[in-house]
N, C-alpha and C. Protein backbone atom coordinates (compact mmCIF):
# COMPACT_ATOMS: atom_id res chain seq x y z
N MET A 1 49.48 -17.97 -9.66
CA MET A 1 48.42 -19.20 -9.63
C MET A 1 49.07 -20.28 -9.52
N ALA A 2 48.59 -21.02 -8.50
CA ALA A 2 49.53 -22.60 -8.26
C ALA A 2 49.36 -23.29 -9.40
N LYS A 3 50.47 -24.34 -9.89
CA LYS A 3 50.21 -25.00 -10.97
C LYS A 3 49.24 -26.21 -10.80
N PRO A 4 48.61 -26.71 -11.51
CA PRO A 4 47.76 -28.00 -11.25
C PRO A 4 48.72 -29.21 -11.23
N VAL A 5 48.52 -30.24 -10.08
CA VAL A 5 49.32 -31.20 -9.53
C VAL A 5 48.28 -32.62 -9.46
N ARG A 6 49.01 -33.64 -9.46
CA ARG A 6 48.33 -34.65 -9.45
C ARG A 6 49.24 -35.63 -8.36
N ALA A 7 48.72 -36.12 -7.38
CA ALA A 7 49.69 -36.85 -5.95
C ALA A 7 49.24 -38.12 -5.93
N ALA A 8 50.15 -38.85 -5.25
CA ALA A 8 50.11 -40.21 -5.00
C ALA A 8 50.54 -40.32 -3.84
N LEU A 9 50.37 -41.37 -3.17
CA LEU A 9 50.86 -41.72 -1.70
C LEU A 9 51.26 -42.82 -1.99
N GLY A 10 52.61 -43.60 -2.28
CA GLY A 10 53.43 -44.80 -2.58
C GLY A 10 52.31 -45.16 -4.09
N GLU A 11 52.07 -46.21 -4.30
CA GLU A 11 51.59 -46.55 -5.38
C GLU A 11 49.93 -46.22 -5.74
N VAL A 12 49.32 -45.32 -4.50
CA VAL A 12 48.03 -45.06 -4.65
C VAL A 12 47.84 -43.64 -4.94
N TRP A 13 47.05 -43.37 -6.30
CA TRP A 13 47.03 -41.83 -6.79
C TRP A 13 45.43 -41.34 -5.98
N LEU A 14 46.06 -40.38 -5.79
CA LEU A 14 44.90 -39.84 -4.71
C LEU A 14 43.57 -39.00 -5.51
N THR A 15 42.50 -39.29 -5.23
CA THR A 15 41.17 -38.38 -5.77
C THR A 15 40.51 -37.86 -4.74
N CYS A 16 39.73 -36.62 -5.24
CA CYS A 16 38.98 -35.97 -3.95
C CYS A 16 38.01 -36.90 -3.60
N GLN A 17 37.79 -36.68 -2.20
CA GLN A 17 36.70 -37.40 -1.59
C GLN A 17 35.29 -36.85 -1.57
N VAL A 18 35.32 -35.79 -2.23
CA VAL A 18 33.95 -35.26 -2.74
C VAL A 18 33.36 -35.50 -4.11
N CYS A 19 34.49 -35.32 -4.85
CA CYS A 19 33.90 -35.06 -6.74
C CYS A 19 34.97 -36.21 -7.35
N GLN A 20 36.02 -36.73 -6.44
CA GLN A 20 36.37 -37.95 -7.23
C GLN A 20 37.53 -37.33 -8.49
N GLY A 21 37.79 -35.73 -8.30
CA GLY A 21 38.89 -35.26 -9.46
C GLY A 21 40.17 -35.72 -8.78
N ASP A 22 41.03 -35.25 -9.89
CA ASP A 22 42.53 -36.12 -9.65
C ASP A 22 43.32 -34.96 -9.98
N VAL A 23 43.06 -33.76 -9.91
CA VAL A 23 43.82 -32.51 -10.31
C VAL A 23 43.85 -31.70 -8.86
N PHE A 24 44.87 -31.28 -8.35
CA PHE A 24 45.01 -30.23 -7.51
C PHE A 24 45.58 -29.19 -7.41
N ARG A 25 45.40 -28.43 -6.46
CA ARG A 25 46.61 -27.27 -6.42
C ARG A 25 47.43 -27.42 -4.76
N GLU A 26 48.53 -27.46 -4.97
CA GLU A 26 49.23 -27.54 -3.70
C GLU A 26 49.54 -26.27 -2.93
N ARG A 27 49.51 -26.52 -1.41
CA ARG A 27 49.77 -25.52 -0.73
C ARG A 27 50.49 -26.04 0.73
N GLU A 28 51.57 -25.20 1.27
CA GLU A 28 51.54 -25.28 2.60
C GLU A 28 50.25 -24.87 3.42
N VAL A 29 50.02 -25.82 4.69
CA VAL A 29 49.07 -25.15 5.58
C VAL A 29 49.72 -25.34 6.85
N LEU A 30 49.68 -24.15 7.62
CA LEU A 30 50.48 -24.36 9.28
C LEU A 30 49.29 -24.71 10.07
N LEU A 31 49.72 -25.73 11.23
CA LEU A 31 48.73 -26.07 11.98
C LEU A 31 48.95 -25.55 13.20
N ASN A 32 48.30 -24.49 13.30
CA ASN A 32 48.41 -23.56 14.58
C ASN A 32 47.58 -24.01 15.55
N SER A 33 48.39 -23.90 17.06
CA SER A 33 47.90 -24.35 17.98
C SER A 33 47.78 -22.97 19.04
N ALA A 34 46.81 -23.06 19.96
CA ALA A 34 46.33 -21.68 20.62
C ALA A 34 47.68 -21.37 21.69
N GLY A 35 48.42 -22.24 22.04
CA GLY A 35 49.32 -21.90 22.97
C GLY A 35 50.71 -21.46 22.35
N MET A 36 50.76 -21.71 21.27
CA MET A 36 51.88 -21.26 20.52
C MET A 36 51.70 -19.80 19.78
N GLU A 37 50.31 -19.68 19.48
CA GLU A 37 50.11 -18.44 19.13
C GLU A 37 49.95 -17.66 20.13
N PHE A 38 49.69 -17.68 21.17
CA PHE A 38 49.64 -16.94 22.56
C PHE A 38 51.27 -16.58 22.67
N MET A 39 52.23 -17.42 22.63
CA MET A 39 53.56 -17.07 22.93
C MET A 39 54.13 -16.61 21.86
N LYS A 40 53.46 -16.09 20.71
CA LYS A 40 54.28 -15.48 19.35
C LYS A 40 54.95 -16.21 18.91
N LEU A 41 54.70 -17.75 18.80
CA LEU A 41 55.73 -18.60 18.37
C LEU A 41 55.00 -19.49 17.31
N ALA A 42 53.67 -19.03 16.59
CA ALA A 42 53.13 -19.47 15.18
C ALA A 42 54.07 -20.36 14.19
N TRP A 43 55.28 -19.51 13.80
CA TRP A 43 55.93 -20.03 13.01
C TRP A 43 56.62 -21.42 13.15
N ALA A 44 56.75 -21.77 14.56
CA ALA A 44 57.45 -22.97 15.09
C ALA A 44 56.35 -24.15 14.91
N ASN A 45 54.96 -23.96 14.61
CA ASN A 45 53.90 -25.26 14.42
C ASN A 45 54.16 -25.96 13.24
N GLU A 46 53.65 -26.96 13.65
CA GLU A 46 53.86 -28.03 12.42
C GLU A 46 53.24 -27.56 11.26
N SER A 47 53.35 -28.34 10.34
CA SER A 47 52.75 -27.93 8.70
C SER A 47 52.34 -29.26 8.23
N ALA A 48 51.27 -28.83 7.27
CA ALA A 48 50.79 -29.99 6.66
C ALA A 48 50.84 -29.40 5.08
N THR A 49 50.61 -30.43 4.27
CA THR A 49 50.47 -30.43 2.81
C THR A 49 48.79 -30.50 2.38
N GLY A 50 48.49 -29.13 2.03
CA GLY A 50 47.00 -28.89 1.75
C GLY A 50 47.03 -29.15 0.25
N LEU A 51 45.96 -30.24 -0.62
CA LEU A 51 45.79 -30.23 -1.54
C LEU A 51 44.24 -29.86 -2.03
N ILE A 52 44.22 -28.90 -2.83
CA ILE A 52 42.99 -28.32 -3.10
C ILE A 52 42.45 -28.65 -4.15
N CYS A 53 41.34 -29.28 -4.29
CA CYS A 53 40.75 -29.85 -5.56
C CYS A 53 40.49 -28.75 -6.66
N TRP A 54 40.86 -28.89 -7.67
CA TRP A 54 40.98 -28.23 -8.80
C TRP A 54 39.35 -27.94 -9.28
N SER A 55 38.57 -29.03 -8.92
CA SER A 55 37.22 -28.98 -9.67
C SER A 55 36.50 -28.30 -8.66
N CYS A 56 36.51 -28.74 -7.10
CA CYS A 56 35.24 -28.45 -6.65
C CYS A 56 35.90 -27.69 -5.12
N GLY A 57 37.19 -27.54 -5.13
CA GLY A 57 37.65 -26.56 -4.13
C GLY A 57 37.62 -27.30 -2.71
N TYR A 58 37.54 -28.86 -2.35
CA TYR A 58 37.82 -29.27 -1.23
C TYR A 58 38.96 -29.21 -0.95
N VAL A 59 39.40 -29.06 0.32
CA VAL A 59 40.74 -29.07 0.82
C VAL A 59 40.94 -30.32 1.56
N HIS A 60 41.97 -30.87 1.21
CA HIS A 60 42.40 -32.33 1.65
C HIS A 60 43.79 -31.88 2.56
N LEU A 61 44.00 -32.27 3.83
CA LEU A 61 45.37 -32.18 4.63
C LEU A 61 46.21 -33.40 4.66
N PHE A 62 47.39 -33.33 4.61
CA PHE A 62 48.27 -34.52 4.95
C PHE A 62 49.59 -34.08 5.62
N VAL A 63 49.77 -34.62 6.74
CA VAL A 63 50.89 -34.31 7.63
C VAL A 63 51.76 -35.38 7.07
N ASN A 64 51.79 -36.44 6.35
CA ASN A 64 52.48 -37.17 6.05
C ASN A 64 53.56 -36.86 4.81
N LYS A 65 54.78 -36.81 4.66
CA LYS A 65 55.78 -36.14 4.06
C LYS A 65 56.00 -37.19 3.04
N ASP A 66 55.32 -38.40 2.56
CA ASP A 66 55.39 -39.28 1.70
C ASP A 66 54.57 -38.86 0.58
N ILE A 67 53.89 -38.01 0.54
CA ILE A 67 52.88 -37.74 -0.73
C ILE A 67 54.00 -37.12 -2.01
N GLU A 68 53.67 -37.76 -2.67
CA GLU A 68 54.40 -37.21 -4.22
C GLU A 68 53.52 -36.56 -5.39
N LEU A 69 54.09 -35.61 -5.74
CA LEU A 69 53.36 -34.48 -6.34
C LEU A 69 53.85 -34.51 -8.08
N TYR A 70 52.88 -34.70 -9.01
CA TYR A 70 53.51 -34.80 -10.59
C TYR A 70 52.62 -33.85 -11.11
N ARG A 71 53.20 -32.79 -12.09
CA ARG A 71 52.68 -31.99 -12.84
C ARG A 71 51.51 -32.50 -13.73
N ALA A 72 50.37 -31.77 -13.65
CA ALA A 72 48.91 -32.41 -14.24
C ALA A 72 49.13 -31.46 -15.36
N ASP A 73 48.78 -31.59 -16.64
CA ASP A 73 48.39 -30.84 -17.89
C ASP A 73 46.71 -30.47 -17.82
N LYS A 74 46.56 -29.35 -17.53
CA LYS A 74 45.13 -28.92 -17.34
C LYS A 74 44.88 -28.28 -18.24
């Protein structure tokens, strides 16, 4: 199971857009396109950082690689 993390973008701490929670599970998410899937090149698609809210499960996607993750004591 994924470990709980807190996330920041620069000096701004991220919170869930739905429940305002500040603890997430992190996961890499592929941004698949139909063309790349058709050519069997899905592995070459761009990826995003998925932050899944620990409280409500809402998924936040970030393509920006400047997100910093910190271990959260849950």
